[in-house]
C-alpha atoms as a PDB file:
ATOM      1  CA  UNK A   1      -4.086  23.016 -21.583  1.00  0.00           C
ATOM      2  CA  UNK A   2      -2.928  19.877 -19.893  1.00  0.00           C
ATOM      3  CA  UNK A   3      -5.125  18.136 -17.301  1.00  0.00           C
ATOM      4  CA  UNK A   4      -8.397  19.548 -18.626  1.00  0.00           C
ATOM      5  CA  UNK A   5     -11.182  17.369 -19.941  1.00  0.00           C
ATOM      6  CA  UNK A   6     -14.082  18.720 -21.989  1.00  0.00           C
ATOM      7  CA  UNK A   7     -17.216  16.766 -21.109  1.00  0.00           C
ATOM      8  CA  UNK A   8     -19.101  15.650 -24.227  1.00  0.00           C
ATOM      9  CA  UNK A   9     -22.125  13.883 -22.705  1.00  0.00           C
ATOM     10  CA  UNK A  10     -24.627  14.128 -19.868  1.00  0.00           C
ATOM     11  CA  UNK A  11     -23.702  10.831 -18.179  1.00  0.00           C
ATOM     12  CA  UNK A  12     -22.898  12.680 -14.929  1.00  0.00           C
ATOM     13  CA  UNK A  13     -25.707  15.263 -15.078  1.00  0.00           C
ATOM     14  CA  UNK A  14     -26.641  17.267 -13.050  1.00  0.00           C
ATOM     15  CA  UNK A  15     -23.242  17.060 -11.316  1.00  0.00           C
ATOM     16  CA  UNK A  16     -21.313  17.613 -14.563  1.00  0.00           C
ATOM     17  CA  UNK A  17     -23.047  18.412 -17.869  1.00  0.00           C
ATOM     18  CA  UNK A  18     -22.169  18.284 -21.538  1.00  0.00           C
ATOM     19  CA  UNK A  19     -20.075  21.347 -22.329  1.00  0.00           C
ATOM     20  CA  UNK A  20     -18.578  21.629 -18.837  1.00  0.00           C
ATOM     21  CA  UNK A  21     -14.851  21.288 -18.274  1.00  0.00           C
ATOM     22  CA  UNK A  22     -13.199  19.364 -15.463  1.00  0.00           C
ATOM     23  CA  UNK A  23      -9.639  19.626 -14.318  1.00  0.00           C
ATOM     24  CA  UNK A  24      -7.901  16.603 -12.878  1.00  0.00           C
ATOM     25  CA  UNK A  25      -4.809  15.515 -11.055  1.00  0.00           C
ATOM     26  CA  UNK A  26      -3.054  12.844 -13.164  1.00  0.00           C
ATOM     27  CA  UNK A  27      -2.886   9.389 -11.621  1.00  0.00           C
ATOM     28  CA  UNK A  28       0.620   8.534 -10.473  1.00  0.00           C
ATOM     29  CA  UNK A  29       1.941   4.956 -10.589  1.00  0.00           C
ATOM     30  CA  UNK A  30       1.244   2.999  -7.397  1.00  0.00           C
ATOM     31  CA  UNK A  31      -1.115   5.701  -6.139  1.00  0.00           C
ATOM     32  CA  UNK A  32      -3.916   4.459  -3.941  1.00  0.00           C
ATOM     33  CA  UNK A  33      -7.386   5.058  -5.349  1.00  0.00           C
ATOM     34  CA  UNK A  34     -10.477   5.817  -3.314  1.00  0.00           C
ATOM     35  CA  UNK A  35     -14.175   6.361  -3.953  1.00  0.00           C
ATOM     36  CA  UNK A  36     -14.390   9.569  -5.935  1.00  0.00           C
ATOM     37  CA  UNK A  37     -14.884  11.009  -9.430  1.00  0.00           C
ATOM     38  CA  UNK A  38     -12.259  10.287 -12.077  1.00  0.00           C
ATOM     39  CA  UNK A  39     -11.521  10.769 -15.740  1.00  0.00           C
ATOM     40  CA  UNK A  40     -11.136   7.211 -16.997  1.00  0.00           C
ATOM     41  CA  UNK A  41     -10.722   5.441 -20.293  1.00  0.00           C
ATOM     42  CA  UNK A  42     -13.126   2.588 -20.939  1.00  0.00           C
ATOM     43  CA  UNK A  43     -13.645   0.857 -24.268  1.00  0.00           C
ATOM     44  CA  UNK A  44     -11.440   3.424 -25.979  1.00  0.00           C
ATOM     45  CA  UNK A  45     -13.396   6.456 -24.740  1.00  0.00           C
ATOM     46  CA  UNK A  46     -12.347   8.964 -22.111  1.00  0.00           C
ATOM     47  CA  UNK A  47     -15.238   9.687 -19.766  1.00  0.00           C
ATOM     48  CA  UNK A  48     -15.997  11.106 -16.332  1.00  0.00           C
ATOM     49  CA  UNK A  49     -17.368   8.557 -13.875  1.00  0.00           C
ATOM     50  CA  UNK A  50     -17.975   8.166 -10.176  1.00  0.00           C
ATOM     51  CA  UNK A  51     -15.879   5.203  -8.971  1.00  0.00           C
ATOM     52  CA  UNK A  52     -16.809   3.018  -6.039  1.00  0.00           C
ATOM     53  CA  UNK A  53     -14.258   0.456  -4.902  1.00  0.00           C
ATOM     54  CA  UNK A  54     -15.780  -2.714  -3.469  1.00  0.00           C
ATOM     55  CA  UNK A  55     -14.546  -4.604  -0.423  1.00  0.00           C
ATOM     56  CA  UNK A  56     -13.817  -7.827  -2.324  1.00  0.00           C
ATOM     57  CA  UNK A  57     -11.628  -6.012  -4.873  1.00  0.00           C
ATOM     58  CA  UNK A  58     -14.253  -5.216  -7.476  1.00  0.00           C
ATOM     59  CA  UNK A  59     -15.256  -1.789  -8.682  1.00  0.00           C
ATOM     60  CA  UNK A  60     -18.309   0.122  -9.904  1.00  0.00           C
ATOM     61  CA  UNK A  61     -18.428   2.904 -12.464  1.00  0.00           C
ATOM     62  CA  UNK A  62     -21.483   4.978 -11.616  1.00  0.00           C
ATOM     63  CA  UNK A  63     -23.060   7.542 -13.930  1.00  0.00           C
ATOM     64  CA  UNK A  64     -25.356  10.008 -12.161  1.00  0.00           C
ATOM     65  CA  UNK A  65     -27.319  11.100 -15.238  1.00  0.00           C
ATOM     66  CA  UNK A  66     -29.109   7.862 -15.982  1.00  0.00           C
ATOM     67  CA  UNK A  67     -28.155   6.031 -12.774  1.00  0.00           C
ATOM     68  CA  UNK A  68     -26.267   3.543 -14.937  1.00  0.00           C
ATOM     69  CA  UNK A  69     -23.726   1.333 -13.191  1.00  0.00           C
ATOM     70  CA  UNK A  70     -21.043  -0.893 -14.677  1.00  0.00           C
ATOM     71  CA  UNK A  71     -19.657  -3.535 -12.325  1.00  0.00           C
ATOM     72  CA  UNK A  72     -16.182  -5.027 -12.605  1.00  0.00           C
ATOM     73  CA  UNK A  73     -14.946  -8.021 -10.682  1.00  0.00           C
ATOM     74  CA  UNK A  74     -11.418  -7.792  -9.303  1.00  0.00           C
ATOM     75  CA  UNK A  75      -9.890  -9.565 -12.315  1.00  0.00           C
ATOM     76  CA  UNK A  76     -11.717  -7.186 -14.733  1.00  0.00           C
ATOM     77  CA  UNK A  77     -10.555  -3.886 -13.227  1.00  0.00           C
ATOM     78  CA  UNK A  78      -7.703  -3.565 -15.716  1.00  0.00           C
ATOM     79  CA  UNK A  79     -10.349  -2.848 -18.384  1.00  0.00           C
ATOM     80  CA  UNK A  80     -10.577   0.672 -16.924  1.00  0.00           C
ATOM     81  CA  UNK A  81      -7.599   3.011 -17.271  1.00  0.00           C
ATOM     82  CA  UNK A  82      -7.469   5.778 -14.680  1.00  0.00           C
ATOM     83  CA  UNK A  83      -6.388   9.065 -16.269  1.00  0.00           C
ATOM     84  CA  UNK A  84      -6.906  11.459 -13.373  1.00  0.00           C
ATOM     85  CA  UNK A  85      -8.786  12.393 -10.227  1.00  0.00           C
ATOM     86  CA  UNK A  86     -11.275  15.217 -10.854  1.00  0.00           C
ATOM     87  CA  UNK A  87     -10.433  18.195  -8.623  1.00  0.00           C
ATOM     88  CA  UNK A  88     -12.565  21.007 -10.065  1.00  0.00           C
ATOM     89  CA  UNK A  89     -15.493  21.672 -12.378  1.00  0.00           C
ATOM     90  CA  UNK A  90     -15.983  24.633 -14.691  1.00  0.00           C
ATOM     91  CA  UNK A  91     -19.555  25.084 -15.839  1.00  0.00           C
ATOM     92  CA  UNK A  92     -20.735  26.445 -19.177  1.00  0.00           C
ATOM     93  CA  UNK A  93     -21.977  29.627 -17.503  1.00  0.00           C
ATOM     94  CA  UNK A  94     -18.455  30.391 -16.251  1.00  0.00           C
ATOM     95  CA  UNK A  95     -19.036  29.340 -12.649  1.00  0.00           C
ATOM     96  CA  UNK A  96     -16.459  27.067 -11.067  1.00  0.00           C
ATOM     97  CA  UNK A  97     -16.497  24.606  -8.190  1.00  0.00           C
ATOM     98  CA  UNK A  98     -13.361  23.291  -6.499  1.00  0.00           C
ATOM     99  CA  UNK A  99     -14.143  19.853  -5.061  1.00  0.00           C
ATOM    100  CA  UNK A 100     -10.822  18.293  -4.196  1.00  0.00           C
ATOM    101  CA  UNK A 101     -10.550  15.841  -2.539  1.00  0.00           C
ATOM    102  CA  UNK A 102     -13.496  14.360  -0.648  1.00  0.00           C
ATOM    103  CA  UNK A 103     -16.793  15.975  -1.610  1.00  0.00           C
ATOM    104  CA  UNK A 104     -17.288  13.561  -4.517  1.00  0.00           C
ATOM    105  CA  UNK A 105     -17.811  10.638  -2.141  1.00  0.00           C
ATOM    106  CA  UNK A 106     -21.548  11.251  -1.896  1.00  0.00           C
ATOM    107  CA  UNK A 107     -23.613   9.959  -4.863  1.00  0.00           C
END
């Protein structure tokens, strides 16, 4: 199925765990981004990350599981490719959670 991403790590645990599936809305050209959770490609890997846009044009990728943060200055943002905005989560136990669009704003 298109627009589904199978999570293969616990970087976003307990919000999203290894084995969960997220569905996303593909990023359209010239679409404005906002602080939320996205499927992104970074260093050749597709991952789920919380994105925080900074006032001076920079950006943070935040991973809930280990509280890891990767900071990008404005000129480095092109190192991250936005695949889609996460709109729902499907947990291993079959439960689902529809989150679109604003409930991801809280870390």
